[in-house]
Amino acid sequence: MASKARRTTHRSSTGKKLYAVRDAKGKFKDIQTYQRAHSADLRKKSKSES
């Protein structure tokens, strides 16, 4: 079973908060803005909620 992808926070040159999504090996998979990623997290329902 592969370990879960991790997100670490960074700041862009303009000062926006970013999530760097890493794969199981720790390499960058995707860079997301915190605002968009966080609002998507809030929209998504967990298994226990649904």
PDB file of N, CA and C in Angstrom:
ATOM      1  N   MET A   1       0.842  -1.187   0.000  1.00  0.00           N
ATOM      2  CA  MET A   1       0.000   0.000   0.000  1.00  0.00           C
ATOM      3  C   MET A   1       0.884   1.246   0.000  1.00  0.00           C
ATOM      4  N   ALA A   2       0.670   2.135  -0.948  1.00  0.00           N
ATOM      5  CA  ALA A   2       1.475   3.347  -1.059  1.00  0.00           C
ATOM      6  C   ALA A   2       1.042   4.355   0.005  1.00  0.00           C
ATOM      7  N   SER A   3       1.997   5.148   0.487  1.00  0.00           N
ATOM      8  CA  SER A   3       1.636   6.156   1.478  1.00  0.00           C
ATOM      9  C   SER A   3       0.917   7.317   0.801  1.00  0.00           C
ATOM     10  N   LYS A   4       0.142   8.021   1.590  1.00  0.00           N
ATOM     11  CA  LYS A   4      -0.688   9.113   1.102  1.00  0.00           C
ATOM     12  C   LYS A   4       0.178  10.281   0.620  1.00  0.00           C
ATOM     13  N   ALA A   5      -0.274  10.970  -0.418  1.00  0.00           N
ATOM     14  CA  ALA A   5       0.442  12.145  -0.907  1.00  0.00           C
ATOM     15  C   ALA A   5       0.368  13.249   0.143  1.00  0.00           C
ATOM     16  N   ARG A   6       1.448  13.957   0.342  1.00  0.00           N
ATOM     17  CA  ARG A   6       1.516  15.016   1.347  1.00  0.00           C
ATOM     18  C   ARG A   6       1.424  16.384   0.682  1.00  0.00           C
ATOM     19  N   ARG A   7       0.919  17.360   1.432  1.00  0.00           N
ATOM     20  CA  ARG A   7       0.910  18.740   0.963  1.00  0.00           C
ATOM     21  C   ARG A   7       1.692  19.585   1.947  1.00  0.00           C
ATOM     22  N   THR A   8       2.658  20.325   1.439  1.00  0.00           N
ATOM     23  CA  THR A   8       3.419  21.246   2.277  1.00  0.00           C
ATOM     24  C   THR A   8       3.109  22.658   1.827  1.00  0.00           C
ATOM     25  N   THR A   9       3.165  23.620   2.743  1.00  0.00           N
ATOM     26  CA  THR A   9       2.809  24.997   2.398  1.00  0.00           C
ATOM     27  C   THR A   9       4.061  25.800   2.079  1.00  0.00           C
ATOM     28  N   HIS A  10       3.902  26.706   1.131  1.00  0.00           N
ATOM     29  CA  HIS A  10       4.957  27.629   0.713  1.00  0.00           C
ATOM     30  C   HIS A  10       4.296  28.961   0.418  1.00  0.00           C
ATOM     31  N   ARG A  11       5.098  29.953   0.121  1.00  0.00           N
ATOM     32  CA  ARG A  11       4.572  31.243  -0.319  1.00  0.00           C
ATOM     33  C   ARG A  11       5.126  31.552  -1.702  1.00  0.00           C
ATOM     34  N   SER A  12       4.251  32.110  -2.547  1.00  0.00           N
ATOM     35  CA  SER A  12       4.698  32.503  -3.882  1.00  0.00           C
ATOM     36  C   SER A  12       5.438  33.831  -3.794  1.00  0.00           C
ATOM     37  N   SER A  13       6.015  34.262  -4.896  1.00  0.00           N
ATOM     38  CA  SER A  13       6.748  35.531  -4.913  1.00  0.00           C
ATOM     39  C   SER A  13       5.811  36.710  -4.661  1.00  0.00           C
ATOM     40  N   THR A  14       4.521  36.542  -4.968  1.00  0.00           N
ATOM     41  CA  THR A  14       3.551  37.619  -4.731  1.00  0.00           C
ATOM     42  C   THR A  14       2.962  37.550  -3.319  1.00  0.00           C
ATOM     43  N   GLY A  15       3.333  36.525  -2.548  1.00  0.00           N
ATOM     44  CA  GLY A  15       2.883  36.441  -1.171  1.00  0.00           C
ATOM     45  C   GLY A  15       1.693  35.534  -0.944  1.00  0.00           C
ATOM     46  N   LYS A  16       1.182  34.916  -2.004  1.00  0.00           N
ATOM     47  CA  LYS A  16       0.044  34.003  -1.846  1.00  0.00           C
ATOM     48  C   LYS A  16       0.524  32.694  -1.228  1.00  0.00           C
ATOM     49  N   LYS A  17      -0.335  32.097  -0.414  1.00  0.00           N
ATOM     50  CA  LYS A  17       0.003  30.827   0.217  1.00  0.00           C
ATOM     51  C   LYS A  17      -0.228  29.705  -0.790  1.00  0.00           C
ATOM     52  N   LEU A  18       0.726  28.772  -0.871  1.00  0.00           N
ATOM     53  CA  LEU A  18       0.654  27.677  -1.832  1.00  0.00           C
ATOM     54  C   LEU A  18       0.744  26.338  -1.130  1.00  0.00           C
ATOM     55  N   TYR A  19       0.122  25.345  -1.755  1.00  0.00           N
ATOM     56  CA  TYR A  19       0.307  23.950  -1.354  1.00  0.00           C
ATOM     57  C   TYR A  19       1.179  23.298  -2.406  1.00  0.00           C
ATOM     58  N   ALA A  20       2.219  22.636  -1.990  1.00  0.00           N
ATOM     59  CA  ALA A  20       3.011  21.809  -2.895  1.00  0.00           C
ATOM     60  C   ALA A  20       2.611  20.370  -2.632  1.00  0.00           C
ATOM     61  N   VAL A  21       2.001  19.734  -3.610  1.00  0.00           N
ATOM     62  CA  VAL A  21       1.561  18.351  -3.466  1.00  0.00           C
ATOM     63  C   VAL A  21       2.716  17.461  -3.880  1.00  0.00           C
ATOM     64  N   ARG A  22       3.077  16.537  -3.004  1.00  0.00           N
ATOM     65  CA  ARG A  22       4.185  15.625  -3.282  1.00  0.00           C
ATOM     66  C   ARG A  22       3.663  14.205  -3.405  1.00  0.00           C
ATOM     67  N   ASP A  23       4.349  13.407  -4.204  1.00  0.00           N
ATOM     68  CA  ASP A  23       3.974  11.991  -4.309  1.00  0.00           C
ATOM     69  C   ASP A  23       4.602  11.224  -3.141  1.00  0.00           C
ATOM     70  N   ALA A  24       4.421   9.924  -3.128  1.00  0.00           N
ATOM     71  CA  ALA A  24       4.891   9.094  -2.020  1.00  0.00           C
ATOM     72  C   ALA A  24       6.411   9.171  -1.847  1.00  0.00           C
ATOM     73  N   LYS A  25       7.130   9.422  -2.936  1.00  0.00           N
ATOM     74  CA  LYS A  25       8.592   9.509  -2.866  1.00  0.00           C
ATOM     75  C   LYS A  25       9.070  10.892  -2.447  1.00  0.00           C
ATOM     76  N   GLY A  26       8.147  11.843  -2.329  1.00  0.00           N
ATOM     77  CA  GLY A  26       8.515  13.180  -1.882  1.00  0.00           C
ATOM     78  C   GLY A  26       8.783  14.164  -2.999  1.00  0.00           C
ATOM     79  N   LYS A  27       8.570  13.742  -4.249  1.00  0.00           N
ATOM     80  CA  LYS A  27       8.784  14.647  -5.381  1.00  0.00           C
ATOM     81  C   LYS A  27       7.531  15.477  -5.634  1.00  0.00           C
ATOM     82  N   PHE A  28       7.722  16.688  -6.166  1.00  0.00           N
ATOM     83  CA  PHE A  28       6.582  17.558  -6.466  1.00  0.00           C
ATOM     84  C   PHE A  28       5.703  16.943  -7.535  1.00  0.00           C
ATOM     85  N   LYS A  29       4.412  16.901  -7.271  1.00  0.00           N
ATOM     86  CA  LYS A  29       3.448  16.408  -8.240  1.00  0.00           C
ATOM     87  C   LYS A  29       2.651  17.580  -8.812  1.00  0.00           C
ATOM     88  N   ASP A  30       2.309  18.547  -7.939  1.00  0.00           N
ATOM     89  CA  ASP A  30       1.435  19.644  -8.327  1.00  0.00           C
ATOM     90  C   ASP A  30       1.651  20.799  -7.356  1.00  0.00           C
ATOM     91  N   ILE A  31       1.456  22.022  -7.846  1.00  0.00           N
ATOM     92  CA  ILE A  31       1.460  23.198  -6.986  1.00  0.00           C
ATOM     93  C   ILE A  31       0.070  23.807  -7.064  1.00  0.00           C
ATOM     94  N   GLN A  32      -0.578  23.995  -5.904  1.00  0.00           N
ATOM     95  CA  GLN A  32      -1.930  24.556  -5.861  1.00  0.00           C
ATOM     96  C   GLN A  32      -1.916  25.810  -5.004  1.00  0.00           C
ATOM     97  N   THR A  33      -2.799  26.767  -5.322  1.00  0.00           N
ATOM     98  CA  THR A  33      -2.950  27.888  -4.408  1.00  0.00           C
ATOM     99  C   THR A  33      -3.752  27.392  -3.216  1.00  0.00           C
ATOM    100  N   TYR A  34      -3.389  27.869  -2.041  1.00  0.00           N
ATOM    101  CA  TYR A  34      -4.046  27.442  -0.800  1.00  0.00           C
ATOM    102  C   TYR A  34      -5.537  27.757  -0.849  1.00  0.00           C
ATOM    103  N   GLN A  35      -5.874  28.945  -1.370  1.00  0.00           N
ATOM    104  CA  GLN A  35      -7.278  29.378  -1.405  1.00  0.00           C
ATOM    105  C   GLN A  35      -8.146  28.412  -2.202  1.00  0.00           C
ATOM    106  N   ARG A  36      -7.691  28.021  -3.389  1.00  0.00           N
ATOM    107  CA  ARG A  36      -8.469  27.103  -4.232  1.00  0.00           C
ATOM    108  C   ARG A  36      -8.513  25.701  -3.640  1.00  0.00           C
ATOM    109  N   ALA A  37      -7.375  25.229  -3.133  1.00  0.00           N
ATOM    110  CA  ALA A  37      -7.310  23.881  -2.583  1.00  0.00           C
ATOM    111  C   ALA A  37      -8.153  23.769  -1.313  1.00  0.00           C
ATOM    112  N   HIS A  38      -8.101  24.794  -0.472  1.00  0.00           N
ATOM    113  CA  HIS A  38      -8.842  24.774   0.778  1.00  0.00           C
ATOM    114  C   HIS A  38     -10.345  24.801   0.523  1.00  0.00           C
ATOM    115  N   SER A  39     -10.798  25.633  -0.430  1.00  0.00           N
ATOM    116  CA  SER A  39     -12.231  25.704  -0.726  1.00  0.00           C
ATOM    117  C   SER A  39     -12.721  24.405  -1.360  1.00  0.00           C
ATOM    118  N   ALA A  40     -11.867  23.743  -2.142  1.00  0.00           N
ATOM    119  CA  ALA A  40     -12.224  22.439  -2.713  1.00  0.00           C
ATOM    120  C   ALA A  40     -12.337  21.399  -1.605  1.00  0.00           C
ATOM    121  N   ASP A  41     -11.459  21.479  -0.596  1.00  0.00           N
ATOM    122  CA  ASP A  41     -11.522  20.571   0.545  1.00  0.00           C
ATOM    123  C   ASP A  41     -12.833  20.745   1.304  1.00  0.00           C
ATOM    124  N   LEU A  42     -13.259  21.994   1.449  1.00  0.00           N
ATOM    125  CA  LEU A  42     -14.497  22.266   2.177  1.00  0.00           C
ATOM    126  C   LEU A  42     -15.726  21.777   1.409  1.00  0.00           C
ATOM    127  N   ARG A  43     -15.680  21.868   0.084  1.00  0.00           N
ATOM    128  CA  ARG A  43     -16.813  21.421  -0.737  1.00  0.00           C
ATOM    129  C   ARG A  43     -16.964  19.905  -0.718  1.00  0.00           C
ATOM    130  N   LYS A  44     -15.836  19.195  -0.582  1.00  0.00           N
ATOM    131  CA  LYS A  44     -15.855  17.738  -0.637  1.00  0.00           C
ATOM    132  C   LYS A  44     -16.366  17.162   0.683  1.00  0.00           C
ATOM    133  N   LYS A  45     -17.264  16.207   0.610  1.00  0.00           N
ATOM    134  CA  LYS A  45     -17.797  15.556   1.806  1.00  0.00           C
ATOM    135  C   LYS A  45     -16.966  14.315   2.136  1.00  0.00           C
ATOM    136  N   SER A  46     -16.741  14.102   3.411  1.00  0.00           N
ATOM    137  CA  SER A  46     -16.018  12.902   3.824  1.00  0.00           C
ATOM    138  C   SER A  46     -16.964  11.704   3.819  1.00  0.00           C
ATOM    139  N   LYS A  47     -16.389  10.517   3.890  1.00  0.00           N
ATOM    140  CA  LYS A  47     -17.212   9.286   3.919  1.00  0.00           C
ATOM    141  C   LYS A  47     -18.166   9.310   5.107  1.00  0.00           C
ATOM    142  N   SER A  48     -17.670   9.734   6.265  1.00  0.00           N
ATOM    143  CA  SER A  48     -18.497   9.703   7.467  1.00  0.00           C
ATOM    144  C   SER A  48     -19.637  10.727   7.416  1.00  0.00           C
ATOM    145  N   GLU A  49     -19.451  11.808   6.663  1.00  0.00           N
ATOM    146  CA  GLU A  49     -20.504  12.817   6.544  1.00  0.00           C
ATOM    147  C   GLU A  49     -21.599  12.386   5.573  1.00  0.00           C
ATOM    148  N   SER A  50     -21.233  11.662   4.536  1.00  0.00           N
ATOM    149  CA  SER A  50     -22.214  11.348   3.494  1.00  0.00           C
ATOM    150  C   SER A  50     -23.013  10.096   3.800  1.00  0.00           C
TER     151      SER A  50
END
